[in-house]
Amino acid sequence: MLSEPQMAGPSTALMRKAYARWAPVYDVVYDKLTEPAARAAVEAAAEHGPRILEAGVGTGLALGYYPKASFVCGVDLSEDMLKRARAKVKRRNLAHVKGLQVMDVCHLGYADASFDAVVAQFLITLVPDPEAAMSEFLRVVRPGGGIVLANHFGQSDGPLARVEEVVAPLCTKIGWSSDFKATRIEAWARRNGVEVLGLKPTFPGGFFKILRMRKPG
């Protein structure tokens, strides 16, 4: 079912270097901050069935949230991140995790319709070509399956938009661009006949959101 992943250009190499630096401290920085959104995303993905691909699995912070009856595969661009994810799987005996591989989410090495759902947490604003990644998610999901994104999407207006302006420099450094709106993904969904099931705010204070979509059956 797998083939050799294709790699993107220089931006991909720079991302690998950045992830290598982040890997040792990633859990400390992100664990509690992202846990509510990650749990919500996993729950939404699991509603579509047991076979789930986690794109951008990182250090595996969310791997313990999946139902035990799941069949979970995870991919990430960073081998440094995946080493920590594999250690978690072994230490916690997460038998539902069936594979963790280095792979570019814009060029997934899986066959069409391999999964019931794809979930991507805090990833889509980081990839060089978000639409290409979304199209790969769509390809590997079965008809009627789900795509779930947990991410910070920028606000167009309101109090939270003003807060985002203040914290924008910090957000940019960690990949949470307030310039990236959910409407961009919703526009991709319309072009590809994908049903948008909803955009739900979550902790902290709606800063993260869960965007749920369904592939036409």
N, C-alpha and C. Protein backbone atom coordinates (compact mmCIF):
# COMPACT_ATOMS: atom_id res chain seq x y z
N MET A 1 0.83 -1.21 0.00
CA MET A 1 0.00 0.00 0.00
C MET A 1 0.86 1.25 0.00
N LEU A 2 2.09 1.16 0.49
CA LEU A 2 2.95 2.32 0.63
C LEU A 2 3.91 2.43 -0.53
N SER A 3 4.26 3.64 -0.86
CA SER A 3 5.32 3.91 -1.82
C SER A 3 6.27 4.92 -1.22
N GLU A 4 7.40 5.12 -1.87
CA GLU A 4 8.36 6.08 -1.35
C GLU A 4 7.77 7.48 -1.40
N PRO A 5 7.80 8.25 -0.30
CA PRO A 5 7.24 9.59 -0.30
C PRO A 5 8.05 10.51 -1.19
N GLN A 6 7.34 11.41 -1.89
CA GLN A 6 8.03 12.43 -2.66
C GLN A 6 8.25 13.64 -1.76
N MET A 7 9.36 14.30 -1.93
CA MET A 7 9.69 15.41 -1.07
C MET A 7 9.57 16.73 -1.82
N ALA A 8 9.21 17.75 -1.10
CA ALA A 8 9.09 19.08 -1.70
C ALA A 8 10.46 19.73 -1.77
N GLY A 9 10.50 21.03 -2.06
CA GLY A 9 11.74 21.75 -2.28
C GLY A 9 12.40 22.24 -1.02
N PRO A 10 13.15 23.34 -1.13
CA PRO A 10 13.94 23.86 -0.01
C PRO A 10 13.13 24.17 1.23
N SER A 11 11.88 24.61 1.07
CA SER A 11 11.08 24.94 2.24
C SER A 11 10.85 23.72 3.12
N THR A 12 10.76 22.55 2.50
CA THR A 12 10.61 21.31 3.25
C THR A 12 11.86 21.03 4.08
N ALA A 13 13.02 21.26 3.51
CA ALA A 13 14.28 21.05 4.23
C ALA A 13 14.38 22.00 5.42
N LEU A 14 13.95 23.23 5.24
CA LEU A 14 13.98 24.20 6.33
C LEU A 14 13.03 23.79 7.44
N MET A 15 11.87 23.24 7.06
CA MET A 15 10.90 22.78 8.05
C MET A 15 11.48 21.64 8.86
N ARG A 16 12.19 20.72 8.21
CA ARG A 16 12.80 19.60 8.93
C ARG A 16 13.79 20.12 9.99
N LYS A 17 14.59 21.11 9.61
CA LYS A 17 15.55 21.68 10.56
C LYS A 17 14.84 22.32 11.74
N ALA A 18 13.76 23.03 11.46
CA ALA A 18 13.01 23.67 12.53
C ALA A 18 12.41 22.64 13.47
N TYR A 19 11.85 21.57 12.91
CA TYR A 19 11.26 20.52 13.74
C TYR A 19 12.31 19.82 14.58
N ALA A 20 13.50 19.66 14.04
CA ALA A 20 14.57 19.02 14.80
C ALA A 20 14.91 19.85 16.04
N ARG A 21 14.87 21.17 15.89
CA ARG A 21 15.14 22.05 17.05
C ARG A 21 14.00 22.00 18.05
N TRP A 22 12.76 21.91 17.55
CA TRP A 22 11.59 21.94 18.42
C TRP A 22 11.36 20.61 19.14
N ALA A 23 11.77 19.51 18.55
CA ALA A 23 11.41 18.18 19.06
C ALA A 23 11.67 17.99 20.55
N PRO A 24 12.83 18.40 21.09
CA PRO A 24 13.09 18.14 22.52
C PRO A 24 12.17 18.88 23.48
N VAL A 25 11.60 20.02 23.05
CA VAL A 25 10.78 20.83 23.97
C VAL A 25 9.31 20.88 23.55
N TYR A 26 8.97 20.22 22.46
CA TYR A 26 7.62 20.34 21.90
C TYR A 26 6.53 19.98 22.90
N ASP A 27 6.70 18.86 23.58
CA ASP A 27 5.66 18.40 24.51
C ASP A 27 5.45 19.39 25.65
N VAL A 28 6.54 19.93 26.16
CA VAL A 28 6.45 20.88 27.28
C VAL A 28 5.67 22.13 26.88
N VAL A 29 5.93 22.61 25.67
CA VAL A 29 5.32 23.85 25.20
C VAL A 29 3.85 23.66 24.84
N TYR A 30 3.53 22.54 24.16
CA TYR A 30 2.22 22.42 23.53
C TYR A 30 1.21 21.51 24.24
N ASP A 31 1.65 20.62 25.08
CA ASP A 31 0.78 19.55 25.58
C ASP A 31 -0.54 20.06 26.14
N LYS A 32 -0.51 20.80 27.22
CA LYS A 32 -1.76 21.22 27.87
C LYS A 32 -2.51 22.27 27.06
N LEU A 33 -1.76 23.11 26.34
CA LEU A 33 -2.40 24.15 25.54
C LEU A 33 -3.27 23.56 24.44
N THR A 34 -2.79 22.51 23.80
CA THR A 34 -3.49 21.97 22.64
C THR A 34 -4.36 20.76 22.95
N GLU A 35 -4.28 20.22 24.16
CA GLU A 35 -5.00 18.97 24.47
C GLU A 35 -6.50 19.03 24.19
N PRO A 36 -7.24 20.06 24.64
CA PRO A 36 -8.68 20.05 24.39
C PRO A 36 -9.02 20.00 22.89
N ALA A 37 -8.31 20.78 22.08
CA ALA A 37 -8.58 20.78 20.64
C ALA A 37 -8.19 19.45 20.02
N ALA A 38 -7.08 18.89 20.47
CA ALA A 38 -6.63 17.59 19.92
C ALA A 38 -7.63 16.49 20.25
N ARG A 39 -8.12 16.47 21.47
CA ARG A 39 -9.11 15.46 21.86
C ARG A 39 -10.40 15.61 21.03
N ALA A 40 -10.82 16.84 20.82
CA ALA A 40 -12.03 17.09 20.04
C ALA A 40 -11.85 16.64 18.60
N ALA A 41 -10.66 16.87 18.04
CA ALA A 41 -10.39 16.48 16.66
C ALA A 41 -10.37 14.96 16.53
N VAL A 42 -9.73 14.29 17.48
CA VAL A 42 -9.69 12.82 17.46
C VAL A 42 -11.09 12.23 17.57
N GLU A 43 -11.89 12.77 18.46
CA GLU A 43 -13.26 12.28 18.63
C GLU A 43 -14.06 12.45 17.34
N ALA A 44 -13.90 13.59 16.68
CA ALA A 44 -14.63 13.84 15.43
C ALA A 44 -14.18 12.88 14.34
N ALA A 45 -12.88 12.62 14.25
CA ALA A 45 -12.37 11.70 13.23
C ALA A 45 -12.85 10.28 13.48
N ALA A 46 -12.87 9.87 14.75
CA ALA A 46 -13.26 8.49 15.09
C ALA A 46 -14.72 8.20 14.78
N GLU A 47 -15.54 9.23 14.65
CA GLU A 47 -16.95 9.03 14.29
C GLU A 47 -17.10 8.44 12.89
N HIS A 48 -16.09 8.61 12.06
CA HIS A 48 -16.17 8.12 10.68
C HIS A 48 -15.73 6.67 10.53
N GLY A 49 -15.09 6.13 11.55
CA GLY A 49 -14.64 4.74 11.47
C GLY A 49 -13.28 4.56 12.12
N PRO A 50 -12.81 3.33 12.22
CA PRO A 50 -11.59 3.04 12.98
C PRO A 50 -10.28 3.34 12.27
N ARG A 51 -10.28 3.34 10.94
CA ARG A 51 -9.03 3.52 10.19
C ARG A 51 -8.77 5.01 10.00
N ILE A 52 -7.77 5.51 10.72
CA ILE A 52 -7.52 6.95 10.77
C ILE A 52 -6.06 7.25 10.46
N LEU A 53 -5.84 8.26 9.63
CA LEU A 53 -4.51 8.78 9.37
C LEU A 53 -4.36 10.10 10.11
N GLU A 54 -3.33 10.20 10.96
CA GLU A 54 -3.01 11.48 11.57
C GLU A 54 -1.85 12.10 10.79
N ALA A 55 -2.16 13.18 10.08
CA ALA A 55 -1.16 13.88 9.27
C ALA A 55 -0.48 14.94 10.13
N GLY A 56 0.86 14.90 10.15
CA GLY A 56 1.59 15.80 11.04
C GLY A 56 1.49 15.34 12.47
N VAL A 57 1.79 14.08 12.71
CA VAL A 57 1.60 13.48 14.04
C VAL A 57 2.59 14.03 15.07
N GLY A 58 3.70 14.59 14.60
CA GLY A 58 4.66 15.19 15.52
C GLY A 58 5.22 14.20 16.53
N THR A 59 5.25 14.61 17.79
CA THR A 59 5.77 13.74 18.85
C THR A 59 4.71 12.79 19.39
N GLY A 60 3.54 12.75 18.75
CA GLY A 60 2.50 11.80 19.15
C GLY A 60 1.69 12.22 20.35
N LEU A 61 1.54 13.53 20.57
CA LEU A 61 0.79 14.00 21.73
C LEU A 61 -0.64 13.46 21.76
N ALA A 62 -1.26 13.29 20.60
CA ALA A 62 -2.67 12.88 20.55
C ALA A 62 -2.87 11.38 20.40
N LEU A 63 -1.81 10.61 20.26
CA LEU A 63 -1.98 9.19 19.95
C LEU A 63 -2.72 8.42 21.04
N GLY A 64 -2.61 8.85 22.27
CA GLY A 64 -3.30 8.17 23.36
C GLY A 64 -4.78 8.49 23.45
N TYR A 65 -5.26 9.43 22.65
CA TYR A 65 -6.66 9.84 22.71
C TYR A 65 -7.58 8.99 21.85
N TYR A 66 -7.01 8.19 20.96
CA TYR A 66 -7.84 7.39 20.04
C TYR A 66 -8.45 6.19 20.75
N PRO A 67 -9.64 5.77 20.32
CA PRO A 67 -10.22 4.54 20.88
C PRO A 67 -9.29 3.35 20.68
N LYS A 68 -9.29 2.43 21.60
CA LYS A 68 -8.39 1.28 21.53
C LYS A 68 -8.65 0.40 20.31
N ALA A 69 -9.87 0.45 19.81
CA ALA A 69 -10.22 -0.37 18.65
C ALA A 69 -9.82 0.28 17.33
N SER A 70 -9.18 1.43 17.39
CA SER A 70 -8.79 2.14 16.17
C SER A 70 -7.62 1.46 15.48
N PHE A 71 -7.42 1.86 14.22
CA PHE A 71 -6.25 1.46 13.43
C PHE A 71 -5.64 2.76 12.94
N VAL A 72 -4.64 3.25 13.67
CA VAL A 72 -4.12 4.60 13.44
C VAL A 72 -2.74 4.54 12.80
N CYS A 73 -2.57 5.29 11.72
CA CYS A 73 -1.26 5.52 11.12
C CYS A 73 -0.94 7.00 11.26
N GLY A 74 0.33 7.29 11.48
CA GLY A 74 0.74 8.67 11.61
C GLY A 74 1.91 8.98 10.70
N VAL A 75 1.90 10.18 10.12
CA VAL A 75 3.01 10.60 9.28
C VAL A 75 3.48 11.98 9.71
N ASP A 76 4.76 12.23 9.49
CA ASP A 76 5.33 13.53 9.81
C ASP A 76 6.56 13.74 8.96
N LEU A 77 6.90 14.99 8.75
CA LEU A 77 8.08 15.32 7.96
C LEU A 77 9.37 15.11 8.75
N SER A 78 9.26 15.10 10.08
CA SER A 78 10.44 15.09 10.93
C SER A 78 10.70 13.74 11.59
N GLU A 79 11.85 13.14 11.28
CA GLU A 79 12.24 11.91 11.95
C GLU A 79 12.51 12.15 13.43
N ASP A 80 12.99 13.35 13.78
CA ASP A 80 13.25 13.67 15.19
C ASP A 80 11.95 13.64 16.00
N MET A 81 10.89 14.19 15.42
CA MET A 81 9.58 14.15 16.08
C MET A 81 9.08 12.70 16.19
N LEU A 82 9.22 11.95 15.11
CA LEU A 82 8.70 10.59 15.09
C LEU A 82 9.42 9.67 16.07
N LYS A 83 10.69 9.90 16.30
CA LYS A 83 11.41 9.10 17.30
C LYS A 83 10.74 9.22 18.66
N ARG A 84 10.31 10.40 19.00
CA ARG A 84 9.64 10.63 20.28
C ARG A 84 8.23 10.03 20.28
N ALA A 85 7.57 10.10 19.12
CA ALA A 85 6.25 9.47 19.02
C ALA A 85 6.35 7.96 19.18
N ARG A 86 7.34 7.35 18.54
CA ARG A 86 7.51 5.89 18.66
C ARG A 86 7.82 5.49 20.10
N ALA A 87 8.59 6.31 20.78
CA ALA A 87 8.89 6.02 22.19
C ALA A 87 7.63 6.05 23.04
N LYS A 88 6.73 6.99 22.75
CA LYS A 88 5.45 7.07 23.46
C LYS A 88 4.62 5.81 23.22
N VAL A 89 4.56 5.41 21.96
CA VAL A 89 3.77 4.23 21.60
C VAL A 89 4.27 3.01 22.36
N LYS A 90 5.57 2.84 22.42
CA LYS A 90 6.16 1.70 23.12
C LYS A 90 5.95 1.80 24.63
N ARG A 91 6.19 2.98 25.18
CA ARG A 91 6.10 3.17 26.63
C ARG A 91 4.67 3.00 27.15
N ARG A 92 3.70 3.47 26.37
CA ARG A 92 2.30 3.44 26.79
C ARG A 92 1.54 2.23 26.22
N ASN A 93 2.24 1.41 25.44
CA ASN A 93 1.63 0.23 24.83
C ASN A 93 0.38 0.62 24.02
N LEU A 94 0.54 1.56 23.12
CA LEU A 94 -0.56 2.03 22.29
C LEU A 94 -0.70 1.12 21.07
N ALA A 95 -1.32 -0.02 21.30
CA ALA A 95 -1.39 -1.06 20.26
C ALA A 95 -2.22 -0.63 19.06
N HIS A 96 -3.08 0.37 19.21
CA HIS A 96 -3.90 0.82 18.09
C HIS A 96 -3.09 1.64 17.07
N VAL A 97 -1.88 2.05 17.43
CA VAL A 97 -1.02 2.77 16.50
C VAL A 97 -0.24 1.75 15.67
N LYS A 98 -0.54 1.69 14.40
CA LYS A 98 -0.01 0.62 13.54
C LYS A 98 1.21 1.03 12.73
N GLY A 99 1.49 2.31 12.64
CA GLY A 99 2.66 2.74 11.88
C GLY A 99 2.90 4.22 11.99
N LEU A 100 4.17 4.62 12.07
CA LEU A 100 4.57 6.03 12.11
C LEU A 100 5.70 6.19 11.10
N GLN A 101 5.47 7.01 10.09
CA GLN A 101 6.42 7.11 8.99
C GLN A 101 6.76 8.55 8.64
N VAL A 102 7.98 8.75 8.15
CA VAL A 102 8.36 10.03 7.57
C VAL A 102 7.67 10.17 6.22
N MET A 103 6.92 11.25 6.06
CA MET A 103 6.20 11.44 4.81
C MET A 103 5.79 12.90 4.68
N ASP A 104 5.80 13.38 3.46
CA ASP A 104 5.34 14.73 3.13
C ASP A 104 3.83 14.67 2.93
N VAL A 105 3.08 15.46 3.68
CA VAL A 105 1.61 15.39 3.59
C VAL A 105 1.09 15.87 2.23
N CYS A 106 1.92 16.56 1.46
CA CYS A 106 1.51 16.96 0.12
C CYS A 106 1.73 15.86 -0.91
N HIS A 107 2.38 14.77 -0.49
CA HIS A 107 2.65 13.63 -1.37
C HIS A 107 2.56 12.35 -0.55
N LEU A 108 1.36 12.00 -0.12
CA LEU A 108 1.18 10.84 0.74
C LEU A 108 1.40 9.54 -0.02
N GLY A 109 2.10 8.61 0.62
CA GLY A 109 2.39 7.32 0.00
C GLY A 109 1.37 6.26 0.31
N TYR A 110 0.10 6.60 0.32
CA TYR A 110 -0.98 5.64 0.57
C TYR A 110 -1.87 5.53 -0.65
N ALA A 111 -2.50 4.39 -0.78
CA ALA A 111 -3.44 4.17 -1.88
C ALA A 111 -4.71 5.00 -1.67
N ASP A 112 -5.44 5.21 -2.75
CA ASP A 112 -6.72 5.91 -2.66
C ASP A 112 -7.65 5.19 -1.69
N ALA A 113 -8.46 5.97 -0.97
CA ALA A 113 -9.51 5.44 -0.10
C ALA A 113 -8.98 4.46 0.96
N SER A 114 -7.79 4.73 1.51
CA SER A 114 -7.19 3.85 2.51
C SER A 114 -7.76 4.04 3.92
N PHE A 115 -8.37 5.21 4.19
CA PHE A 115 -8.76 5.54 5.56
C PHE A 115 -10.22 5.99 5.65
N ASP A 116 -10.77 5.81 6.84
CA ASP A 116 -12.10 6.34 7.13
C ASP A 116 -12.05 7.84 7.39
N ALA A 117 -10.92 8.31 7.88
CA ALA A 117 -10.78 9.73 8.19
C ALA A 117 -9.31 10.12 8.21
N VAL A 118 -9.06 11.38 7.90
CA VAL A 118 -7.75 12.00 8.09
C VAL A 118 -7.92 13.14 9.08
N VAL A 119 -7.05 13.19 10.07
CA VAL A 119 -7.07 14.29 11.03
C VAL A 119 -5.71 14.98 11.00
N ALA A 120 -5.73 16.31 10.95
CA ALA A 120 -4.50 17.10 10.94
C ALA A 120 -4.63 18.17 12.02
N GLN A 121 -3.72 18.13 12.97
CA GLN A 121 -3.79 19.05 14.11
C GLN A 121 -2.64 20.04 14.06
N PHE A 122 -2.99 21.33 13.98
CA PHE A 122 -2.00 22.42 14.03
C PHE A 122 -0.97 22.27 12.91
N LEU A 123 -1.44 21.86 11.75
CA LEU A 123 -0.56 21.54 10.63
C LEU A 123 -0.80 22.41 9.41
N ILE A 124 -2.05 22.65 9.06
CA ILE A 124 -2.38 23.12 7.72
C ILE A 124 -1.79 24.49 7.42
N THR A 125 -1.55 25.33 8.42
CA THR A 125 -0.94 26.64 8.18
C THR A 125 0.57 26.55 8.03
N LEU A 126 1.15 25.38 8.28
CA LEU A 126 2.60 25.20 8.22
C LEU A 126 3.08 24.66 6.87
N VAL A 127 2.23 23.95 6.16
CA VAL A 127 2.69 23.29 4.94
C VAL A 127 2.83 24.31 3.81
N PRO A 128 3.79 24.10 2.90
CA PRO A 128 4.01 25.06 1.82
C PRO A 128 2.79 25.23 0.90
N ASP A 129 2.02 24.16 0.71
CA ASP A 129 0.86 24.20 -0.21
C ASP A 129 -0.33 23.54 0.48
N PRO A 130 -1.09 24.31 1.27
CA PRO A 130 -2.22 23.72 2.02
C PRO A 130 -3.24 23.03 1.13
N GLU A 131 -3.53 23.59 -0.04
CA GLU A 131 -4.52 22.98 -0.92
C GLU A 131 -4.04 21.63 -1.45
N ALA A 132 -2.75 21.52 -1.72
CA ALA A 132 -2.21 20.22 -2.16
C ALA A 132 -2.33 19.19 -1.05
N ALA A 133 -2.07 19.60 0.18
CA ALA A 133 -2.22 18.68 1.32
C ALA A 133 -3.68 18.25 1.46
N MET A 134 -4.61 19.20 1.36
CA MET A 134 -6.03 18.87 1.48
C MET A 134 -6.46 17.90 0.39
N SER A 135 -5.94 18.09 -0.82
CA SER A 135 -6.29 17.19 -1.91
C SER A 135 -5.75 15.78 -1.67
N GLU A 136 -4.59 15.68 -1.05
CA GLU A 136 -4.07 14.36 -0.68
C GLU A 136 -4.92 13.72 0.42
N PHE A 137 -5.34 14.51 1.39
CA PHE A 137 -6.23 13.98 2.43
C PHE A 137 -7.50 13.43 1.79
N LEU A 138 -8.04 14.20 0.85
CA LEU A 138 -9.27 13.78 0.17
C LEU A 138 -9.06 12.48 -0.60
N ARG A 139 -7.93 12.37 -1.24
CA ARG A 139 -7.63 11.17 -2.05
C ARG A 139 -7.57 9.90 -1.20
N VAL A 140 -6.92 9.98 -0.04
CA VAL A 140 -6.71 8.76 0.76
C VAL A 140 -7.90 8.42 1.66
N VAL A 141 -8.90 9.30 1.71
CA VAL A 141 -10.11 9.03 2.50
C VAL A 141 -11.14 8.32 1.61
N ARG A 142 -11.82 7.36 2.18
CA ARG A 142 -12.86 6.64 1.44
C ARG A 142 -14.05 7.57 1.15
N PRO A 143 -14.87 7.24 0.16
CA PRO A 143 -16.11 7.99 -0.06
C PRO A 143 -16.97 8.00 1.21
N GLY A 144 -17.43 9.16 1.59
CA GLY A 144 -18.21 9.30 2.81
C GLY A 144 -17.37 9.49 4.05
N GLY A 145 -16.04 9.42 3.91
CA GLY A 145 -15.14 9.58 5.05
C GLY A 145 -14.93 11.04 5.42
N GLY A 146 -14.18 11.25 6.49
CA GLY A 146 -14.05 12.59 7.03
C GLY A 146 -12.64 13.16 6.97
N ILE A 147 -12.57 14.47 6.94
CA ILE A 147 -11.33 15.22 7.11
C ILE A 147 -11.56 16.19 8.26
N VAL A 148 -10.68 16.14 9.24
CA VAL A 148 -10.85 16.98 10.43
C VAL A 148 -9.57 17.78 10.66
N LEU A 149 -9.72 19.09 10.75
CA LEU A 149 -8.60 19.96 11.04
C LEU A 149 -8.78 20.62 12.40
N ALA A 150 -7.75 20.58 13.23
CA ALA A 150 -7.70 21.38 14.45
C ALA A 150 -6.62 22.42 14.22
N ASN A 151 -6.97 23.68 14.35
CA ASN A 151 -6.00 24.71 14.01
C ASN A 151 -6.43 26.06 14.56
N HIS A 152 -5.49 26.97 14.56
CA HIS A 152 -5.84 28.37 14.77
C HIS A 152 -6.13 28.98 13.41
N PHE A 153 -7.35 29.45 13.23
CA PHE A 153 -7.73 30.17 12.02
C PHE A 153 -8.01 31.61 12.40
N GLY A 154 -7.46 32.55 11.66
CA GLY A 154 -7.60 33.96 12.00
C GLY A 154 -9.04 34.45 11.93
N GLN A 155 -9.36 35.40 12.81
CA GLN A 155 -10.68 36.03 12.83
C GLN A 155 -10.71 37.23 11.90
N SER A 156 -11.84 37.42 11.25
CA SER A 156 -11.98 38.57 10.35
C SER A 156 -12.22 39.86 11.13
N ASP A 157 -12.96 39.76 12.24
CA ASP A 157 -13.24 40.95 13.03
C ASP A 157 -13.62 40.53 14.45
N GLY A 158 -13.96 41.50 15.30
CA GLY A 158 -14.37 41.21 16.67
C GLY A 158 -13.21 41.30 17.65
N PRO A 159 -13.53 41.10 18.95
CA PRO A 159 -12.51 41.22 20.01
C PRO A 159 -11.32 40.29 19.82
N LEU A 160 -11.58 39.04 19.40
CA LEU A 160 -10.49 38.08 19.23
C LEU A 160 -9.55 38.51 18.11
N ALA A 161 -10.08 39.14 17.09
CA ALA A 161 -9.24 39.63 15.99
C ALA A 161 -8.24 40.66 16.50
N ARG A 162 -8.68 41.52 17.44
CA ARG A 162 -7.78 42.54 17.99
C ARG A 162 -6.70 41.90 18.86
N VAL A 163 -7.08 40.85 19.60
CA VAL A 163 -6.08 40.11 20.39
C VAL A 163 -5.05 39.47 19.46
N GLU A 164 -5.52 38.92 18.35
CA GLU A 164 -4.62 38.29 17.40
C GLU A 164 -3.60 39.27 16.84
N GLU A 165 -4.01 40.51 16.65
CA GLU A 165 -3.07 41.52 16.15
C GLU A 165 -1.92 41.73 17.13
N VAL A 166 -2.23 41.68 18.42
CA VAL A 166 -1.22 41.91 19.44
C VAL A 166 -0.24 40.75 19.50
N VAL A 167 -0.75 39.52 19.43
CA VAL A 167 0.10 38.33 19.58
C VAL A 167 0.60 37.79 18.25
N ALA A 168 0.33 38.49 17.15
CA ALA A 168 0.70 38.01 15.83
C ALA A 168 2.18 37.66 15.68
N PRO A 169 3.11 38.48 16.20
CA PRO A 169 4.53 38.12 16.04
C PRO A 169 4.88 36.77 16.66
N LEU A 170 4.34 36.47 17.84
CA LEU A 170 4.59 35.18 18.48
C LEU A 170 3.94 34.06 17.70
N CYS A 171 2.70 34.27 17.27
CA CYS A 171 1.98 33.24 16.53
C CYS A 171 2.71 32.86 15.24
N THR A 172 3.27 33.86 14.57
CA THR A 172 3.97 33.61 13.32
C THR A 172 5.16 32.69 13.53
N LYS A 173 5.86 32.86 14.65
CA LYS A 173 7.04 32.05 14.92
C LYS A 173 6.71 30.58 15.11
N ILE A 174 5.49 30.27 15.57
CA ILE A 174 5.13 28.88 15.81
C ILE A 174 4.10 28.36 14.80
N GLY A 175 3.89 29.14 13.72
CA GLY A 175 3.07 28.64 12.63
C GLY A 175 1.59 28.91 12.72
N TRP A 176 1.16 29.71 13.69
CA TRP A 176 -0.26 30.02 13.83
C TRP A 176 -0.53 31.39 13.23
N SER A 177 -0.63 31.43 11.93
CA SER A 177 -0.80 32.69 11.23
C SER A 177 -2.24 33.18 11.31
N SER A 178 -2.41 34.40 11.80
CA SER A 178 -3.75 34.98 11.86
C SER A 178 -4.23 35.40 10.48
N ASP A 179 -3.32 35.40 9.49
CA ASP A 179 -3.71 35.72 8.13
C ASP A 179 -4.39 34.54 7.44
N PHE A 180 -4.24 33.36 8.00
CA PHE A 180 -4.82 32.15 7.40
C PHE A 180 -6.24 31.97 7.95
N LYS A 181 -7.24 32.13 7.10
CA LYS A 181 -8.63 32.04 7.52
C LYS A 181 -9.22 30.67 7.15
N ALA A 182 -10.20 30.26 7.92
CA ALA A 182 -10.90 29.01 7.60
C ALA A 182 -11.59 29.09 6.25
N THR A 183 -11.92 30.30 5.82
CA THR A 183 -12.59 30.47 4.53
C THR A 183 -11.74 29.95 3.37
N ARG A 184 -10.41 29.95 3.55
CA ARG A 184 -9.54 29.41 2.50
C ARG A 184 -9.78 27.92 2.31
N ILE A 185 -9.90 27.18 3.41
CA ILE A 185 -10.16 25.75 3.33
C ILE A 185 -11.60 25.49 2.88
N GLU A 186 -12.52 26.31 3.32
CA GLU A 186 -13.91 26.16 2.90
C GLU A 186 -14.05 26.39 1.40
N ALA A 187 -13.27 27.31 0.86
CA ALA A 187 -13.29 27.55 -0.60
C ALA A 187 -12.74 26.33 -1.34
N TRP A 188 -11.67 25.74 -0.81
CA TRP A 188 -11.14 24.49 -1.40
C TRP A 188 -12.22 23.41 -1.37
N ALA A 189 -12.93 23.30 -0.27
CA ALA A 189 -13.98 22.28 -0.14
C ALA A 189 -15.07 22.47 -1.19
N ARG A 190 -15.49 23.70 -1.41
CA ARG A 190 -16.52 23.96 -2.41
C ARG A 190 -16.03 23.56 -3.81
N ARG A 191 -14.78 23.88 -4.12
CA ARG A 191 -14.24 23.55 -5.45
C ARG A 191 -14.17 22.05 -5.67
N ASN A 192 -14.04 21.29 -4.60
CA ASN A 192 -13.85 19.85 -4.72
C ASN A 192 -15.07 19.04 -4.31
N GLY A 193 -16.19 19.71 -4.13
CA GLY A 193 -17.42 19.01 -3.81
C GLY A 193 -17.44 18.38 -2.43
N VAL A 194 -16.63 18.92 -1.53
CA VAL A 194 -16.54 18.39 -0.17
C VAL A 194 -17.51 19.14 0.74
N GLU A 195 -18.25 18.40 1.54
CA GLU A 195 -19.23 19.00 2.44
C GLU A 195 -18.55 19.50 3.71
N VAL A 196 -18.76 20.75 4.04
CA VAL A 196 -18.27 21.31 5.30
C VAL A 196 -19.33 21.06 6.38
N LEU A 197 -18.96 20.28 7.38
CA LEU A 197 -19.91 19.90 8.43
C LEU A 197 -19.99 20.93 9.54
N GLY A 198 -18.96 21.74 9.69
CA GLY A 198 -19.03 22.75 10.73
C GLY A 198 -17.65 23.22 11.17
N LEU A 199 -17.63 24.41 11.76
CA LEU A 199 -16.43 25.01 12.34
C LEU A 199 -16.75 25.34 13.79
N LYS A 200 -16.08 24.64 14.71
CA LYS A 200 -16.43 24.75 16.12
C LYS A 200 -15.25 25.31 16.92
N PRO A 201 -15.49 26.38 17.68
CA PRO A 201 -14.41 26.92 18.52
C PRO A 201 -14.14 26.03 19.72
N THR A 202 -12.90 26.05 20.17
CA THR A 202 -12.54 25.26 21.34
C THR A 202 -11.52 26.04 22.17
N PHE A 203 -10.99 25.43 23.20
CA PHE A 203 -10.04 26.06 24.12
C PHE A 203 -8.77 26.46 23.38
N PRO A 204 -8.14 27.58 23.77
CA PRO A 204 -8.56 28.54 24.80
C PRO A 204 -9.37 29.69 24.20
N GLY A 205 -10.59 29.86 24.66
CA GLY A 205 -11.43 30.98 24.26
C GLY A 205 -11.73 31.05 22.78
N GLY A 206 -11.78 29.91 22.12
CA GLY A 206 -12.06 29.90 20.69
C GLY A 206 -10.84 30.15 19.82
N PHE A 207 -9.66 30.25 20.42
CA PHE A 207 -8.44 30.50 19.64
C PHE A 207 -8.19 29.36 18.66
N PHE A 208 -8.40 28.12 19.12
CA PHE A 208 -8.34 26.97 18.23
C PHE A 208 -9.74 26.60 17.78
N LYS A 209 -9.83 26.03 16.59
CA LYS A 209 -11.13 25.63 16.05
C LYS A 209 -11.02 24.25 15.42
N ILE A 210 -12.14 23.55 15.39
CA ILE A 210 -12.23 22.24 14.74
C ILE A 210 -13.07 22.41 13.48
N LEU A 211 -12.44 22.15 12.33
CA LEU A 211 -13.13 22.24 11.05
C LEU A 211 -13.37 20.82 10.55
N ARG A 212 -14.63 20.47 10.38
CA ARG A 212 -14.99 19.11 9.97
C ARG A 212 -15.55 19.11 8.55
N MET A 213 -15.11 18.14 7.76
CA MET A 213 -15.57 18.00 6.37
C MET A 213 -15.85 16.53 6.06
N ARG A 214 -16.63 16.31 5.01
CA ARG A 214 -16.95 14.94 4.61
C ARG A 214 -16.80 14.81 3.09
N LYS A 215 -16.11 13.74 2.69
CA LYS A 215 -15.95 13.45 1.27
C LYS A 215 -17.27 12.93 0.71
N PRO A 216 -17.65 13.37 -0.48
CA PRO A 216 -18.91 12.87 -1.05
C PRO A 216 -18.89 11.36 -1.20
N GLY A 217 -20.04 10.75 -0.91
CA GLY A 217 -20.15 9.29 -1.00
C GLY A 217 -20.62 8.85 -2.35
